Amino acid sequence: MNRRLTLARTAVVTAVAAVGAAAAMATGSNLDFDRYFLAKTMRVDYFHTGHATAEIISLDRVVADGPWAGSRTKLIDGTDLGKYLFEVHDAATETLL
C-alpha cells in the first residue's frame, strides 16, 4: 500500500449544495433557503496526509448523502473557526456560498 495512504487521516466534510449570500452576511440577515439551496446534502471525502515538511490534501470522492438536515435559517457560519476554513463564492456575483 502507498505510504502516503497508510499515513492518511481521512476526514469527512458535510457541505450543502448552495448557501447564503455575502449581502446577507453584511446585513446580518440570511436569504431565503429555498432560493439558494437544494434540500440535499453533499459529502466531500478527502485524504489529509503529510509529514514534517509537507502537507497534502487530496479529493477521494463526492457523494450525494441524503436530505439536508441542517438549519434553513442560519445559512452562514460566522465563527470563522478552524485552521482549514474555506469559503466558496459564486464566480458571477461574488455571493458567499
C-alpha atoms as a PDB file:
ATOM      1  CA  MET A   1       0.000   0.000   0.000  1.00  0.00           C
ATOM      2  CA  ASN A   2       1.169   3.529  -0.735  1.00  0.00           C
ATOM      3  CA  ARG A   3       2.995   5.031   2.267  1.00  0.00           C
ATOM      4  CA  ARG A   4       1.033   8.268   1.960  1.00  0.00           C
ATOM      5  CA  LEU A   5      -2.217   6.375   2.237  1.00  0.00           C
ATOM      6  CA  THR A   6      -1.043   4.476   5.304  1.00  0.00           C
ATOM      7  CA  LEU A   7      -0.263   7.807   6.932  1.00  0.00           C
ATOM      8  CA  ALA A   8      -3.530   9.261   5.787  1.00  0.00           C
ATOM      9  CA  ARG A   9      -6.083  10.593   8.144  1.00  0.00           C
ATOM     10  CA  THR A  10      -9.412  10.542   6.368  1.00  0.00           C
ATOM     11  CA  ALA A  11     -11.893  13.228   7.201  1.00  0.00           C
ATOM     12  CA  VAL A  12     -15.436  13.780   6.078  1.00  0.00           C
ATOM     13  CA  VAL A  13     -16.858  17.193   5.453  1.00  0.00           C
ATOM     14  CA  THR A  14     -20.519  17.842   5.031  1.00  0.00           C
ATOM     15  CA  ALA A  15     -21.363  20.670   2.716  1.00  0.00           C
ATOM     16  CA  VAL A  16     -24.539  21.939   1.204  1.00  0.00           C
ATOM     17  CA  ALA A  17     -25.336  22.255  -2.476  1.00  0.00           C
ATOM     18  CA  ALA A  18     -25.814  26.018  -2.100  1.00  0.00           C
ATOM     19  CA  VAL A  19     -25.675  28.518   0.775  1.00  0.00           C
ATOM     20  CA  GLY A  20     -26.413  32.115   1.819  1.00  0.00           C
ATOM     21  CA  ALA A  21     -25.110  35.286   0.209  1.00  0.00           C
ATOM     22  CA  ALA A  22     -22.422  37.812   1.131  1.00  0.00           C
ATOM     23  CA  ALA A  23     -25.081  40.505   1.185  1.00  0.00           C
ATOM     24  CA  ALA A  24     -26.900  38.567   3.869  1.00  0.00           C
ATOM     25  CA  MET A  25     -23.707  38.355   5.887  1.00  0.00           C
ATOM     26  CA  ALA A  26     -23.158  42.110   5.616  1.00  0.00           C
ATOM     27  CA  THR A  27     -26.677  42.926   6.790  1.00  0.00           C
ATOM     28  CA  GLY A  28     -26.730  40.215   9.436  1.00  0.00           C
ATOM     29  CA  SER A  29     -29.757  38.543   7.860  1.00  0.00           C
ATOM     30  CA  ASN A  30     -29.974  35.387   5.803  1.00  0.00           C
ATOM     31  CA  LEU A  31     -31.534  34.924   2.423  1.00  0.00           C
ATOM     32  CA  ASP A  32     -34.374  32.557   1.640  1.00  0.00           C
ATOM     33  CA  PHE A  33     -33.108  28.955   1.897  1.00  0.00           C
ATOM     34  CA  ASP A  34     -35.318  27.730  -0.934  1.00  0.00           C
ATOM     35  CA  ARG A  35     -33.978  30.374  -3.305  1.00  0.00           C
ATOM     36  CA  TYR A  36     -30.293  29.448  -2.849  1.00  0.00           C
ATOM     37  CA  PHE A  37     -30.291  25.850  -1.608  1.00  0.00           C
ATOM     38  CA  LEU A  38     -31.243  22.388  -2.688  1.00  0.00           C
ATOM     39  CA  ALA A  39     -32.601  20.356   0.204  1.00  0.00           C
ATOM     40  CA  LYS A  40     -29.810  17.805  -0.268  1.00  0.00           C
ATOM     41  CA  THR A  41     -26.509  17.053   1.450  1.00  0.00           C
ATOM     42  CA  MET A  42     -23.232  16.742  -0.434  1.00  0.00           C
ATOM     43  CA  ARG A  43     -20.411  14.928   1.404  1.00  0.00           C
ATOM     44  CA  VAL A  44     -16.801  15.522   0.386  1.00  0.00           C
ATOM     45  CA  ASP A  45     -14.367  12.757   1.414  1.00  0.00           C
ATOM     46  CA  TYR A  46     -10.686  13.617   1.286  1.00  0.00           C
ATOM     47  CA  PHE A  47      -7.292  12.433   2.460  1.00  0.00           C
ATOM     48  CA  HIS A  48      -5.197  14.710   4.630  1.00  0.00           C
ATOM     49  CA  THR A  49      -1.658  13.333   4.626  1.00  0.00           C
ATOM     50  CA  GLY A  50       1.848  14.524   5.181  1.00  0.00           C
ATOM     51  CA  HIS A  51       4.986  14.526   7.252  1.00  0.00           C
ATOM     52  CA  ALA A  52       7.241  17.044   8.995  1.00  0.00           C
ATOM     53  CA  THR A  53       7.927  19.117   5.867  1.00  0.00           C
ATOM     54  CA  ALA A  54       4.897  18.592   3.625  1.00  0.00           C
ATOM     55  CA  GLU A  55       1.135  18.506   3.801  1.00  0.00           C
ATOM     56  CA  ILE A  56      -1.086  17.030   1.097  1.00  0.00           C
ATOM     57  CA  ILE A  57      -4.859  17.240   0.798  1.00  0.00           C
ATOM     58  CA  SER A  58      -6.421  15.174  -1.976  1.00  0.00           C
ATOM     59  CA  LEU A  59     -10.005  14.512  -3.005  1.00  0.00           C
ATOM     60  CA  ASP A  60     -11.279  10.964  -2.546  1.00  0.00           C
ATOM     61  CA  ARG A  61     -14.909  11.329  -3.658  1.00  0.00           C
ATOM     62  CA  VAL A  62     -18.024  13.499  -3.594  1.00  0.00           C
ATOM     63  CA  VAL A  63     -21.234  11.769  -2.538  1.00  0.00           C
ATOM     64  CA  ALA A  64     -24.918  12.717  -2.589  1.00  0.00           C
ATOM     65  CA  ASP A  65     -25.688  11.942   1.044  1.00  0.00           C
ATOM     66  CA  GLY A  66     -29.428  12.225   1.552  1.00  0.00           C
ATOM     67  CA  PRO A  67     -31.702  15.105   2.538  1.00  0.00           C
ATOM     68  CA  TRP A  68     -30.399  18.301   4.131  1.00  0.00           C
ATOM     69  CA  ALA A  69     -30.791  18.099   7.903  1.00  0.00           C
ATOM     70  CA  GLY A  70     -29.160  21.409   8.825  1.00  0.00           C
ATOM     71  CA  SER A  71     -30.576  24.811   9.573  1.00  0.00           C
ATOM     72  CA  ARG A  72     -32.684  26.529   6.947  1.00  0.00           C
ATOM     73  CA  THR A  73     -32.408  29.908   8.676  1.00  0.00           C
ATOM     74  CA  LYS A  74     -28.772  30.228   9.814  1.00  0.00           C
ATOM     75  CA  LEU A  75     -27.047  29.818   6.470  1.00  0.00           C
ATOM     76  CA  ILE A  76     -23.662  31.395   7.194  1.00  0.00           C
ATOM     77  CA  ASP A  77     -21.354  30.276   9.992  1.00  0.00           C
ATOM     78  CA  GLY A  78     -19.869  33.445  11.459  1.00  0.00           C
ATOM     79  CA  THR A  79     -17.484  31.750  13.898  1.00  0.00           C
ATOM     80  CA  ASP A  80     -14.548  31.584  11.436  1.00  0.00           C
ATOM     81  CA  LEU A  81     -13.102  28.650  13.381  1.00  0.00           C
ATOM     82  CA  GLY A  82     -10.613  26.111  12.141  1.00  0.00           C
ATOM     83  CA  LYS A  83      -7.191  26.072  10.568  1.00  0.00           C
ATOM     84  CA  TYR A  84      -8.634  24.752   7.294  1.00  0.00           C
ATOM     85  CA  LEU A  85     -11.655  27.041   6.980  1.00  0.00           C
ATOM     86  CA  PHE A  86     -12.609  27.817   3.384  1.00  0.00           C
ATOM     87  CA  GLU A  87     -15.304  29.803   1.660  1.00  0.00           C
ATOM     88  CA  VAL A  88     -16.966  29.231  -1.707  1.00  0.00           C
ATOM     89  CA  HIS A  89     -18.135  32.221  -3.746  1.00  0.00           C
ATOM     90  CA  ASP A  90     -20.310  32.387  -6.855  1.00  0.00           C
ATOM     91  CA  ALA A  91     -17.980  33.440  -9.716  1.00  0.00           C
ATOM     92  CA  ALA A  92     -20.589  35.648 -11.396  1.00  0.00           C
ATOM     93  CA  THR A  93     -21.976  37.509  -8.371  1.00  0.00           C
ATOM     94  CA  GLU A  94     -19.258  37.003  -5.723  1.00  0.00           C
ATOM     95  CA  THR A  95     -22.038  35.747  -3.438  1.00  0.00           C
ATOM     96  CA  LEU A  96     -20.729  33.755  -0.488  1.00  0.00           C
ATOM     97  CA  LEU A  97     -21.983  30.197  -0.898  1.00  0.00           C
END
